[in-house]
Amino acid sequence: IYVTHDQVEAMTMGDRVAVLKDGVLQ
């Protein structure tokens, strides 16, 4: 489980990406 604020990093590394906003999974 990998945390980042960089969405390019997220898109290039993850099998899946979980997007959060204000504590809620989007």
mmCIF file of all heavy atoms, coordinates in Angstrom:
data_MODEL
# 
_entry.id   MODEL 
# 
loop_
_atom_site.group_PDB 
_atom_site.id 
_atom_site.type_symbol 
_atom_site.label_atom_id 
_atom_site.label_alt_id 
_atom_site.label_comp_id 
_atom_site.label_asym_id 
_atom_site.label_entity_id 
_atom_site.label_seq_id 
_atom_site.pdbx_PDB_ins_code 
_atom_site.Cartn_x 
_atom_site.Cartn_y 
_atom_site.Cartn_z 
_atom_site.occupancy 
_atom_site.B_iso_or_equiv 
_atom_site.pdbx_formal_charge 
_atom_site.auth_seq_id 
_atom_site.auth_comp_id 
_atom_site.auth_asym_id 
_atom_site.auth_atom_id 
_atom_site.pdbx_PDB_model_num 
ATOM 1   N N   . ILE A 1 1  ? 0.873   -1.177 0.000   1.00 0.00 ? 1  ILE A N   1 
ATOM 2   C CA  . ILE A 1 1  ? 0.000   0.000  0.000   1.00 0.00 ? 1  ILE A CA  1 
ATOM 3   C C   . ILE A 1 1  ? 0.902   1.216  0.000   1.00 0.00 ? 1  ILE A C   1 
ATOM 4   O O   . ILE A 1 1  ? 1.763   1.370  0.870   1.00 0.00 ? 1  ILE A O   1 
ATOM 5   C CB  . ILE A 1 1  ? -0.954  0.017  1.216   1.00 0.00 ? 1  ILE A CB  1 
ATOM 6   C CG1 . ILE A 1 1  ? -1.922  -1.171 1.151   1.00 0.00 ? 1  ILE A CG1 1 
ATOM 7   C CG2 . ILE A 1 1  ? -1.765  1.306  1.213   1.00 0.00 ? 1  ILE A CG2 1 
ATOM 8   C CD1 . ILE A 1 1  ? -1.469  -2.393 1.851   1.00 0.00 ? 1  ILE A CD1 1 
ATOM 9   N N   . TYR A 1 2  ? 0.707   2.063  -0.983  1.00 0.00 ? 2  TYR A N   1 
ATOM 10  C CA  . TYR A 1 2  ? 1.625   3.166  -1.266  1.00 0.00 ? 2  TYR A CA  1 
ATOM 11  C C   . TYR A 1 2  ? 0.832   4.469  -1.264  1.00 0.00 ? 2  TYR A C   1 
ATOM 12  O O   . TYR A 1 2  ? -0.188  4.582  -1.949  1.00 0.00 ? 2  TYR A O   1 
ATOM 13  C CB  . TYR A 1 2  ? 2.248   2.912  -2.646  1.00 0.00 ? 2  TYR A CB  1 
ATOM 14  C CG  . TYR A 1 2  ? 3.319   3.876  -3.098  1.00 0.00 ? 2  TYR A CG  1 
ATOM 15  C CD1 . TYR A 1 2  ? 4.664   3.514  -3.065  1.00 0.00 ? 2  TYR A CD1 1 
ATOM 16  C CD2 . TYR A 1 2  ? 2.992   5.135  -3.600  1.00 0.00 ? 2  TYR A CD2 1 
ATOM 17  C CE1 . TYR A 1 2  ? 5.660   4.378  -3.516  1.00 0.00 ? 2  TYR A CE1 1 
ATOM 18  C CE2 . TYR A 1 2  ? 3.976   5.997  -4.048  1.00 0.00 ? 2  TYR A CE2 1 
ATOM 19  C CZ  . TYR A 1 2  ? 5.299   5.618  -4.015  1.00 0.00 ? 2  TYR A CZ  1 
ATOM 20  O OH  . TYR A 1 2  ? 6.275   6.481  -4.465  1.00 0.00 ? 2  TYR A OH  1 
ATOM 21  N N   . VAL A 1 3  ? 1.288   5.447  -0.509  1.00 0.00 ? 3  VAL A N   1 
ATOM 22  C CA  . VAL A 1 3  ? 0.605   6.738  -0.407  1.00 0.00 ? 3  VAL A CA  1 
ATOM 23  C C   . VAL A 1 3  ? 1.376   7.797  -1.187  1.00 0.00 ? 3  VAL A C   1 
ATOM 24  O O   . VAL A 1 3  ? 2.605   7.894  -1.074  1.00 0.00 ? 3  VAL A O   1 
ATOM 25  C CB  . VAL A 1 3  ? 0.470   7.171  1.069   1.00 0.00 ? 3  VAL A CB  1 
ATOM 26  C CG1 . VAL A 1 3  ? 0.158   8.657  1.182   1.00 0.00 ? 3  VAL A CG1 1 
ATOM 27  C CG2 . VAL A 1 3  ? -0.610  6.360  1.764   1.00 0.00 ? 3  VAL A CG2 1 
ATOM 28  N N   . THR A 1 4  ? 0.665   8.579  -1.983  1.00 0.00 ? 4  THR A N   1 
ATOM 29  C CA  . THR A 1 4  ? 1.281   9.698  -2.698  1.00 0.00 ? 4  THR A CA  1 
ATOM 30  C C   . THR A 1 4  ? 0.226   10.760 -2.986  1.00 0.00 ? 4  THR A C   1 
ATOM 31  O O   . THR A 1 4  ? -0.969  10.465 -3.037  1.00 0.00 ? 4  THR A O   1 
ATOM 32  C CB  . THR A 1 4  ? 1.928   9.234  -4.024  1.00 0.00 ? 4  THR A CB  1 
ATOM 33  O OG1 . THR A 1 4  ? 2.522   10.343 -4.675  1.00 0.00 ? 4  THR A OG1 1 
ATOM 34  C CG2 . THR A 1 4  ? 0.888   8.626  -4.954  1.00 0.00 ? 4  THR A CG2 1 
ATOM 35  N N   . HIS A 1 5  ? 0.683   12.010 -3.160  1.00 0.00 ? 5  HIS A N   1 
ATOM 36  C CA  . HIS A 1 5  ? -0.222  13.063 -3.620  1.00 0.00 ? 5  HIS A CA  1 
ATOM 37  C C   . HIS A 1 5  ? -0.043  13.291 -5.115  1.00 0.00 ? 5  HIS A C   1 
ATOM 38  O O   . HIS A 1 5  ? -0.777  14.049 -5.727  1.00 0.00 ? 5  HIS A O   1 
ATOM 39  C CB  . HIS A 1 5  ? 0.067   14.380 -2.880  1.00 0.00 ? 5  HIS A CB  1 
ATOM 40  C CG  . HIS A 1 5  ? 1.437   14.922 -3.163  1.00 0.00 ? 5  HIS A CG  1 
ATOM 41  N ND1 . HIS A 1 5  ? 2.549   14.521 -2.468  1.00 0.00 ? 5  HIS A ND1 1 
ATOM 42  C CD2 . HIS A 1 5  ? 1.877   15.794 -4.095  1.00 0.00 ? 5  HIS A CD2 1 
ATOM 43  C CE1 . HIS A 1 5  ? 3.622   15.131 -2.956  1.00 0.00 ? 5  HIS A CE1 1 
ATOM 44  N NE2 . HIS A 1 5  ? 3.242   15.913 -3.947  1.00 0.00 ? 5  HIS A NE2 1 
ATOM 45  N N   . ASP A 1 6  ? 0.941   12.592 -5.709  1.00 0.00 ? 6  ASP A N   1 
ATOM 46  C CA  . ASP A 1 6  ? 1.285   12.770 -7.117  1.00 0.00 ? 6  ASP A CA  1 
ATOM 47  C C   . ASP A 1 6  ? 0.506   11.759 -7.953  1.00 0.00 ? 6  ASP A C   1 
ATOM 48  O O   . ASP A 1 6  ? 0.790   10.562 -7.936  1.00 0.00 ? 6  ASP A O   1 
ATOM 49  C CB  . ASP A 1 6  ? 2.791   12.559 -7.287  1.00 0.00 ? 6  ASP A CB  1 
ATOM 50  C CG  . ASP A 1 6  ? 3.275   12.826 -8.713  1.00 0.00 ? 6  ASP A CG  1 
ATOM 51  O OD1 . ASP A 1 6  ? 2.454   12.714 -9.641  1.00 0.00 ? 6  ASP A OD1 1 
ATOM 52  O OD2 . ASP A 1 6  ? 4.459   13.130 -8.889  1.00 0.00 ? 6  ASP A OD2 1 
ATOM 53  N N   . GLN A 1 7  ? -0.496  12.239 -8.720  1.00 0.00 ? 7  GLN A N   1 
ATOM 54  C CA  . GLN A 1 7  ? -1.338  11.305 -9.451  1.00 0.00 ? 7  GLN A CA  1 
ATOM 55  C C   . GLN A 1 7  ? -0.593  10.632 -10.605 1.00 0.00 ? 7  GLN A C   1 
ATOM 56  O O   . GLN A 1 7  ? -0.942  9.531  -11.006 1.00 0.00 ? 7  GLN A O   1 
ATOM 57  C CB  . GLN A 1 7  ? -2.628  11.983 -9.923  1.00 0.00 ? 7  GLN A CB  1 
ATOM 58  C CG  . GLN A 1 7  ? -2.453  13.272 -10.692 1.00 0.00 ? 7  GLN A CG  1 
ATOM 59  C CD  . GLN A 1 7  ? -2.312  13.033 -12.169 1.00 0.00 ? 7  GLN A CD  1 
ATOM 60  O OE1 . GLN A 1 7  ? -2.708  12.007 -12.679 1.00 0.00 ? 7  GLN A OE1 1 
ATOM 61  N NE2 . GLN A 1 7  ? -1.733  13.988 -12.860 1.00 0.00 ? 7  GLN A NE2 1 
ATOM 62  N N   . VAL A 1 8  ? 0.460   11.262 -11.135 1.00 0.00 ? 8  VAL A N   1 
ATOM 63  C CA  . VAL A 1 8  ? 1.270   10.600 -12.165 1.00 0.00 ? 8  VAL A CA  1 
ATOM 64  C C   . VAL A 1 8  ? 1.971   9.381  -11.564 1.00 0.00 ? 8  VAL A C   1 
ATOM 65  O O   . VAL A 1 8  ? 2.015   8.299  -12.158 1.00 0.00 ? 8  VAL A O   1 
ATOM 66  C CB  . VAL A 1 8  ? 2.296   11.573 -12.778 1.00 0.00 ? 8  VAL A CB  1 
ATOM 67  C CG1 . VAL A 1 8  ? 3.226   10.840 -13.738 1.00 0.00 ? 8  VAL A CG1 1 
ATOM 68  C CG2 . VAL A 1 8  ? 1.588   12.714 -13.502 1.00 0.00 ? 8  VAL A CG2 1 
ATOM 69  N N   . GLU A 1 9  ? 2.496   9.552  -10.360 1.00 0.00 ? 9  GLU A N   1 
ATOM 70  C CA  . GLU A 1 9  ? 3.114   8.442  -9.626  1.00 0.00 ? 9  GLU A CA  1 
ATOM 71  C C   . GLU A 1 9  ? 2.105   7.328  -9.410  1.00 0.00 ? 9  GLU A C   1 
ATOM 72  O O   . GLU A 1 9  ? 2.401   6.146  -9.619  1.00 0.00 ? 9  GLU A O   1 
ATOM 73  C CB  . GLU A 1 9  ? 3.597   8.981  -8.268  1.00 0.00 ? 9  GLU A CB  1 
ATOM 74  C CG  . GLU A 1 9  ? 4.841   8.335  -7.727  1.00 0.00 ? 9  GLU A CG  1 
ATOM 75  C CD  . GLU A 1 9  ? 5.393   9.144  -6.556  1.00 0.00 ? 9  GLU A CD  1 
ATOM 76  O OE1 . GLU A 1 9  ? 6.161   10.086 -6.798  1.00 0.00 ? 9  GLU A OE1 1 
ATOM 77  O OE2 . GLU A 1 9  ? 5.035   8.821  -5.399  1.00 0.00 ? 9  GLU A OE2 1 
ATOM 78  N N   . ALA A 1 10 ? 0.910   7.703  -9.010  1.00 0.00 ? 10 ALA A N   1 
ATOM 79  C CA  . ALA A 1 10 ? -0.135  6.710  -8.748  1.00 0.00 ? 10 ALA A CA  1 
ATOM 80  C C   . ALA A 1 10 ? -0.488  5.929  -10.009 1.00 0.00 ? 10 ALA A C   1 
ATOM 81  O O   . ALA A 1 10 ? -0.595  4.692  -9.990  1.00 0.00 ? 10 ALA A O   1 
ATOM 82  C CB  . ALA A 1 10 ? -1.386  7.409  -8.199  1.00 0.00 ? 10 ALA A CB  1 
ATOM 83  N N   . MET A 1 11 ? -0.642  6.637  -11.126 1.00 0.00 ? 11 MET A N   1 
ATOM 84  C CA  . MET A 1 11 ? -1.068  6.000  -12.372 1.00 0.00 ? 11 MET A CA  1 
ATOM 85  C C   . MET A 1 11 ? -0.012  5.070  -12.937 1.00 0.00 ? 11 MET A C   1 
ATOM 86  O O   . MET A 1 11 ? -0.324  4.071  -13.580 1.00 0.00 ? 11 MET A O   1 
ATOM 87  C CB  . MET A 1 11 ? -1.418  7.069  -13.408 1.00 0.00 ? 11 MET A CB  1 
ATOM 88  C CG  . MET A 1 11 ? -2.602  7.946  -13.041 1.00 0.00 ? 11 MET A CG  1 
ATOM 89  S SD  . MET A 1 11 ? -4.170  7.118  -13.265 1.00 0.00 ? 11 MET A SD  1 
ATOM 90  C CE  . MET A 1 11 ? -4.376  7.259  -15.034 1.00 0.00 ? 11 MET A CE  1 
ATOM 91  N N   . THR A 1 12 ? 1.267   5.377  -12.716 1.00 0.00 ? 12 THR A N   1 
ATOM 92  C CA  . THR A 1 12 ? 2.336   4.583  -13.319 1.00 0.00 ? 12 THR A CA  1 
ATOM 93  C C   . THR A 1 12 ? 2.768   3.411  -12.450 1.00 0.00 ? 12 THR A C   1 
ATOM 94  O O   . THR A 1 12 ? 3.453   2.514  -12.938 1.00 0.00 ? 12 THR A O   1 
ATOM 95  C CB  . THR A 1 12 ? 3.573   5.460  -13.604 1.00 0.00 ? 12 THR A CB  1 
ATOM 96  O OG1 . THR A 1 12 ? 3.974   6.121  -12.400 1.00 0.00 ? 12 THR A OG1 1 
ATOM 97  C CG2 . THR A 1 12 ? 3.273   6.500  -14.656 1.00 0.00 ? 12 THR A CG2 1 
ATOM 98  N N   . MET A 1 13 ? 2.366   3.385  -11.173 1.00 0.00 ? 13 MET A N   1 
ATOM 99  C CA  . MET A 1 13 ? 2.863   2.349  -10.273 1.00 0.00 ? 13 MET A CA  1 
ATOM 100 C C   . MET A 1 13 ? 1.814   1.338  -9.850  1.00 0.00 ? 13 MET A C   1 
ATOM 101 O O   . MET A 1 13 ? 2.117   0.155  -9.699  1.00 0.00 ? 13 MET A O   1 
ATOM 102 C CB  . MET A 1 13 ? 3.464   3.000  -9.018  1.00 0.00 ? 13 MET A CB  1 
ATOM 103 C CG  . MET A 1 13 ? 4.679   3.865  -9.289  1.00 0.00 ? 13 MET A CG  1 
ATOM 104 S SD  . MET A 1 13 ? 5.354   4.628  -7.801  1.00 0.00 ? 13 MET A SD  1 
ATOM 105 C CE  . MET A 1 13 ? 6.171   3.229  -7.042  1.00 0.00 ? 13 MET A CE  1 
ATOM 106 N N   . GLY A 1 14 ? 0.589   1.762  -9.634  1.00 0.00 ? 14 GLY A N   1 
ATOM 107 C CA  . GLY A 1 14 ? -0.388  0.913  -8.982  1.00 0.00 ? 14 GLY A CA  1 
ATOM 108 C C   . GLY A 1 14 ? -1.106  -0.072 -9.892  1.00 0.00 ? 14 GLY A C   1 
ATOM 109 O O   . GLY A 1 14 ? -1.386  0.223  -11.046 1.00 0.00 ? 14 GLY A O   1 
ATOM 110 N N   . ASP A 1 15 ? -1.389  -1.275 -9.344  1.00 0.00 ? 15 ASP A N   1 
ATOM 111 C CA  . ASP A 1 15 ? -2.331  -2.189 -10.009 1.00 0.00 ? 15 ASP A CA  1 
ATOM 112 C C   . ASP A 1 15 ? -3.723  -1.568 -9.955  1.00 0.00 ? 15 ASP A C   1 
ATOM 113 O O   . ASP A 1 15 ? -4.470  -1.621 -10.927 1.00 0.00 ? 15 ASP A O   1 
ATOM 114 C CB  . ASP A 1 15 ? -2.357  -3.548 -9.296  1.00 0.00 ? 15 ASP A CB  1 
ATOM 115 C CG  . ASP A 1 15 ? -1.011  -4.255 -9.370  1.00 0.00 ? 15 ASP A CG  1 
ATOM 116 O OD1 . ASP A 1 15 ? -0.371  -4.192 -10.440 1.00 0.00 ? 15 ASP A OD1 1 
ATOM 117 O OD2 . ASP A 1 15 ? -0.601  -4.857 -8.361  1.00 0.00 ? 15 ASP A OD2 1 
ATOM 118 N N   . ARG A 1 16 ? -4.045  -1.012 -8.788  1.00 0.00 ? 16 ARG A N   1 
ATOM 119 C CA  . ARG A 1 16 ? -5.273  -0.217 -8.626  1.00 0.00 ? 16 ARG A CA  1 
ATOM 120 C C   . ARG A 1 16 ? -4.921  1.063  -7.876  1.00 0.00 ? 16 ARG A C   1 
ATOM 121 O O   . ARG A 1 16 ? -3.938  1.124  -7.133  1.00 0.00 ? 16 ARG A O   1 
ATOM 122 C CB  . ARG A 1 16 ? -6.340  -0.983 -7.847  1.00 0.00 ? 16 ARG A CB  1 
ATOM 123 C CG  . ARG A 1 16 ? -7.057  -2.053 -8.635  1.00 0.00 ? 16 ARG A CG  1 
ATOM 124 C CD  . ARG A 1 16 ? -8.267  -2.565 -7.875  1.00 0.00 ? 16 ARG A CD  1 
ATOM 125 N NE  . ARG A 1 16 ? -7.885  -3.086 -6.559  1.00 0.00 ? 16 ARG A NE  1 
ATOM 126 C CZ  . ARG A 1 16 ? -8.739  -3.204 -5.530  1.00 0.00 ? 16 ARG A CZ  1 
ATOM 127 N NH1 . ARG A 1 16 ? -9.989  -2.795 -5.640  1.00 0.00 ? 16 ARG A NH1 1 
ATOM 128 N NH2 . ARG A 1 16 ? -8.321  -3.704 -4.383  1.00 0.00 ? 16 ARG A NH2 1 
ATOM 129 N N   . VAL A 1 17 ? -5.754  2.065  -8.068  1.00 0.00 ? 17 VAL A N   1 
ATOM 130 C CA  . VAL A 1 17 ? -5.559  3.358  -7.412  1.00 0.00 ? 17 VAL A CA  1 
ATOM 131 C C   . VAL A 1 17 ? -6.844  3.713  -6.677  1.00 0.00 ? 17 VAL A C   1 
ATOM 132 O O   . VAL A 1 17 ? -7.936  3.652  -7.256  1.00 0.00 ? 17 VAL A O   1 
ATOM 133 C CB  . VAL A 1 17 ? -5.216  4.460  -8.441  1.00 0.00 ? 17 VAL A CB  1 
ATOM 134 C CG1 . VAL A 1 17 ? -5.059  5.810  -7.741  1.00 0.00 ? 17 VAL A CG1 1 
ATOM 135 C CG2 . VAL A 1 17 ? -3.947  4.100  -9.208  1.00 0.00 ? 17 VAL A CG2 1 
ATOM 136 N N   . ALA A 1 18 ? -6.714  4.089  -5.400  1.00 0.00 ? 18 ALA A N   1 
ATOM 137 C CA  . ALA A 1 18 ? -7.860  4.528  -4.603  1.00 0.00 ? 18 ALA A CA  1 
ATOM 138 C C   . ALA A 1 18 ? -7.758  6.042  -4.420  1.00 0.00 ? 18 ALA A C   1 
ATOM 139 O O   . ALA A 1 18 ? -6.774  6.541  -3.876  1.00 0.00 ? 18 ALA A O   1 
ATOM 140 C CB  . ALA A 1 18 ? -7.873  3.829  -3.247  1.00 0.00 ? 18 ALA A CB  1 
ATOM 141 N N   . VAL A 1 19 ? -8.766  6.751  -4.905  1.00 0.00 ? 19 VAL A N   1 
ATOM 142 C CA  . VAL A 1 19 ? -8.772  8.212  -4.842  1.00 0.00 ? 19 VAL A CA  1 
ATOM 143 C C   . VAL A 1 19 ? -9.624  8.652  -3.647  1.00 0.00 ? 19 VAL A C   1 
ATOM 144 O O   . VAL A 1 19 ? -10.793 8.274  -3.533  1.00 0.00 ? 19 VAL A O   1 
ATOM 145 C CB  . VAL A 1 19 ? -9.341  8.830  -6.133  1.00 0.00 ? 19 VAL A CB  1 
ATOM 146 C CG1 . VAL A 1 19 ? -9.271  10.351 -6.069  1.00 0.00 ? 19 VAL A CG1 1 
ATOM 147 C CG2 . VAL A 1 19 ? -8.582  8.315  -7.353  1.00 0.00 ? 19 VAL A CG2 1 
ATOM 148 N N   . LEU A 1 20 ? -9.015  9.451  -2.750  1.00 0.00 ? 20 LEU A N   1 
ATOM 149 C CA  . LEU A 1 20 ? -9.726  9.933  -1.564  1.00 0.00 ? 20 LEU A CA  1 
ATOM 150 C C   . LEU A 1 20 ? -9.910  11.444 -1.626  1.00 0.00 ? 20 LEU A C   1 
ATOM 151 O O   . LEU A 1 20 ? -9.079  12.163 -2.196  1.00 0.00 ? 20 LEU A O   1 
ATOM 152 C CB  . LEU A 1 20 ? -8.968  9.570  -0.289  1.00 0.00 ? 20 LEU A CB  1 
ATOM 153 C CG  . LEU A 1 20 ? -9.064  8.128  0.203   1.00 0.00 ? 20 LEU A CG  1 
ATOM 154 C CD1 . LEU A 1 20 ? -8.096  7.232  -0.552  1.00 0.00 ? 20 LEU A CD1 1 
ATOM 155 C CD2 . LEU A 1 20 ? -8.785  8.038  1.700   1.00 0.00 ? 20 LEU A CD2 1 
ATOM 156 N N   . LYS A 1 21 ? -10.982 11.899 -1.016  1.00 0.00 ? 21 LYS A N   1 
ATOM 157 C CA  . LYS A 1 21 ? -11.243 13.331 -0.864  1.00 0.00 ? 21 LYS A CA  1 
ATOM 158 C C   . LYS A 1 21 ? -11.979 13.539 0.453   1.00 0.00 ? 21 LYS A C   1 
ATOM 159 O O   . LYS A 1 21 ? -12.997 12.890 0.719   1.00 0.00 ? 21 LYS A O   1 
ATOM 160 C CB  . LYS A 1 21 ? -12.102 13.856 -2.021  1.00 0.00 ? 21 LYS A CB  1 
ATOM 161 C CG  . LYS A 1 21 ? -12.451 15.336 -1.891  1.00 0.00 ? 21 LYS A CG  1 
ATOM 162 C CD  . LYS A 1 21 ? -13.508 15.749 -2.911  1.00 0.00 ? 21 LYS A CD  1 
ATOM 163 C CE  . LYS A 1 21 ? -13.892 17.206 -2.730  1.00 0.00 ? 21 LYS A CE  1 
ATOM 164 N NZ  . LYS A 1 21 ? -15.069 17.566 -3.552  1.00 0.00 ? 21 LYS A NZ  1 
ATOM 165 N N   . ASP A 1 22 ? -11.443 14.412 1.304   1.00 0.00 ? 22 ASP A N   1 
ATOM 166 C CA  . ASP A 1 22 ? -12.074 14.723 2.597   1.00 0.00 ? 22 ASP A CA  1 
ATOM 167 C C   . ASP A 1 22 ? -12.376 13.461 3.408   1.00 0.00 ? 22 ASP A C   1 
ATOM 168 O O   . ASP A 1 22 ? -13.419 13.355 4.050   1.00 0.00 ? 22 ASP A O   1 
ATOM 169 C CB  . ASP A 1 22 ? -13.357 15.528 2.397   1.00 0.00 ? 22 ASP A CB  1 
ATOM 170 C CG  . ASP A 1 22 ? -13.096 16.876 1.753   1.00 0.00 ? 22 ASP A CG  1 
ATOM 171 O OD1 . ASP A 1 22 ? -11.981 17.405 1.929   1.00 0.00 ? 22 ASP A OD1 1 
ATOM 172 O OD2 . ASP A 1 22 ? -13.985 17.395 1.060   1.00 0.00 ? 22 ASP A OD2 1 
ATOM 173 N N   . GLY A 1 23 ? -11.458 12.489 3.348   1.00 0.00 ? 23 GLY A N   1 
ATOM 174 C CA  . GLY A 1 23 ? -11.619 11.276 4.137   1.00 0.00 ? 23 GLY A CA  1 
ATOM 175 C C   . GLY A 1 23 ? -12.537 10.232 3.545   1.00 0.00 ? 23 GLY A C   1 
ATOM 176 O O   . GLY A 1 23 ? -12.735 9.173  4.140   1.00 0.00 ? 23 GLY A O   1 
ATOM 177 N N   . VAL A 1 24 ? -13.120 10.509 2.388   1.00 0.00 ? 24 VAL A N   1 
ATOM 178 C CA  . VAL A 1 24 ? -14.093 9.602  1.774   1.00 0.00 ? 24 VAL A CA  1 
ATOM 179 C C   . VAL A 1 24 ? -13.506 9.011  0.493   1.00 0.00 ? 24 VAL A C   1 
ATOM 180 O O   . VAL A 1 24 ? -12.972 9.742  -0.346  1.00 0.00 ? 24 VAL A O   1 
ATOM 181 C CB  . VAL A 1 24 ? -15.411 10.332 1.459   1.00 0.00 ? 24 VAL A CB  1 
ATOM 182 C CG1 . VAL A 1 24 ? -16.404 9.401  0.767   1.00 0.00 ? 24 VAL A CG1 1 
ATOM 183 C CG2 . VAL A 1 24 ? -16.024 10.902 2.736   1.00 0.00 ? 24 VAL A CG2 1 
ATOM 184 N N   . LEU A 1 25 ? -13.626 7.705  0.340   1.00 0.00 ? 25 LEU A N   1 
ATOM 185 C CA  . LEU A 1 25 ? -13.171 7.038  -0.877  1.00 0.00 ? 25 LEU A CA  1 
ATOM 186 C C   . LEU A 1 25 ? -14.086 7.425  -2.038  1.00 0.00 ? 25 LEU A C   1 
ATOM 187 O O   . LEU A 1 25 ? -15.299 7.225  -1.977  1.00 0.00 ? 25 LEU A O   1 
ATOM 188 C CB  . LEU A 1 25 ? -13.184 5.521  -0.676  1.00 0.00 ? 25 LEU A CB  1 
ATOM 189 C CG  . LEU A 1 25 ? -12.765 4.677  -1.889  1.00 0.00 ? 25 LEU A CG  1 
ATOM 190 C CD1 . LEU A 1 25 ? -11.311 4.926  -2.242  1.00 0.00 ? 25 LEU A CD1 1 
ATOM 191 C CD2 . LEU A 1 25 ? -13.013 3.194  -1.621  1.00 0.00 ? 25 LEU A CD2 1 
ATOM 192 N N   . GLN A 1 26 ? -13.493 7.974  -3.097  1.00 0.00 ? 26 GLN A N   1 
ATOM 193 C CA  . GLN A 1 26 ? -14.269 8.392  -4.268  1.00 0.00 ? 26 GLN A CA  1 
ATOM 194 C C   . GLN A 1 26 ? -14.376 7.274  -5.303  1.00 0.00 ? 26 GLN A C   1 
ATOM 195 O O   . GLN A 1 26 ? -15.440 7.041  -5.871  1.00 0.00 ? 26 GLN A O   1 
ATOM 196 C CB  . GLN A 1 26 ? -13.620 9.619  -4.916  1.00 0.00 ? 26 GLN A CB  1 
ATOM 197 C CG  . GLN A 1 26 ? -13.433 10.796 -3.984  1.00 0.00 ? 26 GLN A CG  1 
ATOM 198 C CD  . GLN A 1 26 ? -14.752 11.386 -3.530  1.00 0.00 ? 26 GLN A CD  1 
ATOM 199 O OE1 . GLN A 1 26 ? -15.603 11.749 -4.342  1.00 0.00 ? 26 GLN A OE1 1 
ATOM 200 N NE2 . GLN A 1 26 ? -14.924 11.482 -2.222  1.00 0.00 ? 26 GLN A NE2 1 
# 
